[in-house]
Amino acid sequence: MHFTYRTSRVCSQVIDFDLENGRLYNIVFTGGCNGNLKAIAKLLEGAEASFAIERLRGNRCGPRDTSCADQLAQALEKALAEV
């Protein structure tokens, strides 16, 4: 199932991803630190969503209380609640 998540308080504006049997695929961040976010997407390709949430939840960016990675964790929590 495909999901689109609108981020808040971070540089990326949108995170798109597919969730199949609890696993992540095709993660794409729009905006943000291109190289770093592509690396996160590559590292998490095929990973369990619960693993990604555990690793990324609470990650901060500078003085912000969130980050693009944390926003992905929030998006995954929301997606898992919908399926």
C-alpha atoms as a PDB file:
ATOM      1  CA  MET A   1       0.000   0.000   0.000  1.00  0.00           C
ATOM      2  CA  HIS A   2       1.339   3.444  -0.919  1.00  0.00           C
ATOM      3  CA  PHE A   3       1.494   6.273   1.622  1.00  0.00           C
ATOM      4  CA  THR A   4       2.233   9.982   1.313  1.00  0.00           C
ATOM      5  CA  TYR A   5       3.057  11.909   4.476  1.00  0.00           C
ATOM      6  CA  ARG A   6       3.288  15.698   4.691  1.00  0.00           C
ATOM      7  CA  THR A   7       6.049  16.602   7.108  1.00  0.00           C
ATOM      8  CA  SER A   8       6.177  19.552   9.492  1.00  0.00           C
ATOM      9  CA  ARG A   9       9.009  21.577  11.030  1.00  0.00           C
ATOM     10  CA  VAL A  10      11.704  19.976   8.824  1.00  0.00           C
ATOM     11  CA  CYS A  11      13.352  20.706   5.477  1.00  0.00           C
ATOM     12  CA  SER A  12      11.694  17.884   3.549  1.00  0.00           C
ATOM     13  CA  GLN A  13       8.084  18.549   2.619  1.00  0.00           C
ATOM     14  CA  VAL A  14       6.785  15.083   1.777  1.00  0.00           C
ATOM     15  CA  ILE A  15       7.729  11.457   2.380  1.00  0.00           C
ATOM     16  CA  ASP A  16       6.368   8.781   0.042  1.00  0.00           C
ATOM     17  CA  PHE A  17       6.752   5.080   0.737  1.00  0.00           C
ATOM     18  CA  ASP A  18       5.152   1.699   0.220  1.00  0.00           C
ATOM     19  CA  LEU A  19       4.310  -0.641   3.073  1.00  0.00           C
ATOM     20  CA  GLU A  20       3.902  -4.324   2.219  1.00  0.00           C
ATOM     21  CA  ASN A  21       3.473  -6.945   4.960  1.00  0.00           C
ATOM     22  CA  GLY A  22       5.013  -4.567   7.476  1.00  0.00           C
ATOM     23  CA  ARG A  23       8.081  -3.877   5.318  1.00  0.00           C
ATOM     24  CA  LEU A  24       9.221  -0.597   3.753  1.00  0.00           C
ATOM     25  CA  TYR A  25       9.814  -0.069   0.054  1.00  0.00           C
ATOM     26  CA  ASN A  26      10.306   2.827  -2.370  1.00  0.00           C
ATOM     27  CA  ILE A  27      11.014   5.515   0.242  1.00  0.00           C
ATOM     28  CA  VAL A  28      11.319   8.961  -1.333  1.00  0.00           C
ATOM     29  CA  PHE A  29      11.811  12.252   0.487  1.00  0.00           C
ATOM     30  CA  THR A  30      10.898  15.455  -1.350  1.00  0.00           C
ATOM     31  CA  GLY A  31      13.157  18.279  -0.227  1.00  0.00           C
ATOM     32  CA  GLY A  32      15.643  18.137   2.599  1.00  0.00           C
ATOM     33  CA  CYS A  33      19.259  16.968   2.585  1.00  0.00           C
ATOM     34  CA  ASN A  34      19.208  14.970  -0.617  1.00  0.00           C
ATOM     35  CA  GLY A  35      22.218  12.709  -0.075  1.00  0.00           C
ATOM     36  CA  ASN A  36      21.465  11.914   3.559  1.00  0.00           C
ATOM     37  CA  LEU A  37      17.810  11.161   2.891  1.00  0.00           C
ATOM     38  CA  LYS A  38      18.647   8.950  -0.094  1.00  0.00           C
ATOM     39  CA  ALA A  39      21.034   7.038   2.185  1.00  0.00           C
ATOM     40  CA  ILE A  40      18.314   6.557   4.814  1.00  0.00           C
ATOM     41  CA  ALA A  41      15.962   5.297   2.091  1.00  0.00           C
ATOM     42  CA  LYS A  42      18.573   2.814   0.812  1.00  0.00           C
ATOM     43  CA  LEU A  43      19.394   1.549   4.293  1.00  0.00           C
ATOM     44  CA  LEU A  44      15.729   0.958   5.112  1.00  0.00           C
ATOM     45  CA  GLU A  45      14.657  -0.616   1.801  1.00  0.00           C
ATOM     46  CA  GLY A  46      12.946  -3.896   2.717  1.00  0.00           C
ATOM     47  CA  ALA A  47      13.284  -3.296   6.473  1.00  0.00           C
ATOM     48  CA  GLU A  48      10.526  -3.953   8.968  1.00  0.00           C
ATOM     49  CA  ALA A  49       8.610  -0.753   9.677  1.00  0.00           C
ATOM     50  CA  SER A  50       8.864  -1.456  13.410  1.00  0.00           C
ATOM     51  CA  PHE A  51      12.675  -1.574  13.115  1.00  0.00           C
ATOM     52  CA  ALA A  52      12.732   1.804  11.360  1.00  0.00           C
ATOM     53  CA  ILE A  53      10.428   3.352  13.975  1.00  0.00           C
ATOM     54  CA  GLU A  54      12.585   2.031  16.810  1.00  0.00           C
ATOM     55  CA  ARG A  55      15.780   3.415  15.267  1.00  0.00           C
ATOM     56  CA  LEU A  56      14.508   6.770  14.004  1.00  0.00           C
ATOM     57  CA  ARG A  57      11.898   7.900  16.550  1.00  0.00           C
ATOM     58  CA  GLY A  58      13.085  10.894  18.541  1.00  0.00           C
ATOM     59  CA  ASN A  59      16.000  11.753  16.259  1.00  0.00           C
ATOM     60  CA  ARG A  60      16.519  15.527  16.312  1.00  0.00           C
ATOM     61  CA  CYS A  61      17.962  17.958  13.771  1.00  0.00           C
ATOM     62  CA  GLY A  62      19.881  20.804  15.378  1.00  0.00           C
ATOM     63  CA  PRO A  63      17.647  22.761  17.767  1.00  0.00           C
ATOM     64  CA  ARG A  64      14.467  21.251  16.325  1.00  0.00           C
ATOM     65  CA  ASP A  65      12.553  18.661  18.339  1.00  0.00           C
ATOM     66  CA  THR A  66      12.194  16.512  15.202  1.00  0.00           C
ATOM     67  CA  SER A  67      14.073  15.609  12.010  1.00  0.00           C
ATOM     68  CA  CYS A  68      13.311  14.125   8.622  1.00  0.00           C
ATOM     69  CA  ALA A  69      14.156  10.697  10.064  1.00  0.00           C
ATOM     70  CA  ASP A  70      11.826  11.272  13.027  1.00  0.00           C
ATOM     71  CA  GLN A  71       9.123  12.402  10.610  1.00  0.00           C
ATOM     72  CA  LEU A  72       9.528   9.102   8.744  1.00  0.00           C
ATOM     73  CA  ALA A  73       9.043   7.234  12.021  1.00  0.00           C
ATOM     74  CA  GLN A  74       5.875   9.244  12.664  1.00  0.00           C
ATOM     75  CA  ALA A  75       4.657   8.542   9.136  1.00  0.00           C
ATOM     76  CA  LEU A  76       5.227   4.820   9.636  1.00  0.00           C
ATOM     77  CA  GLU A  77       3.344   4.799  12.935  1.00  0.00           C
ATOM     78  CA  LYS A  78       0.418   6.499  11.241  1.00  0.00           C
ATOM     79  CA  ALA A  79       0.541   4.097   8.279  1.00  0.00           C
ATOM     80  CA  LEU A  80       0.659   1.031  10.509  1.00  0.00           C
ATOM     81  CA  ALA A  81      -2.401   2.311  12.392  1.00  0.00           C
ATOM     82  CA  GLU A  82      -4.275   2.571   9.076  1.00  0.00           C
ATOM     83  CA  VAL A  83      -3.581  -0.969   7.827  1.00  0.00           C
END
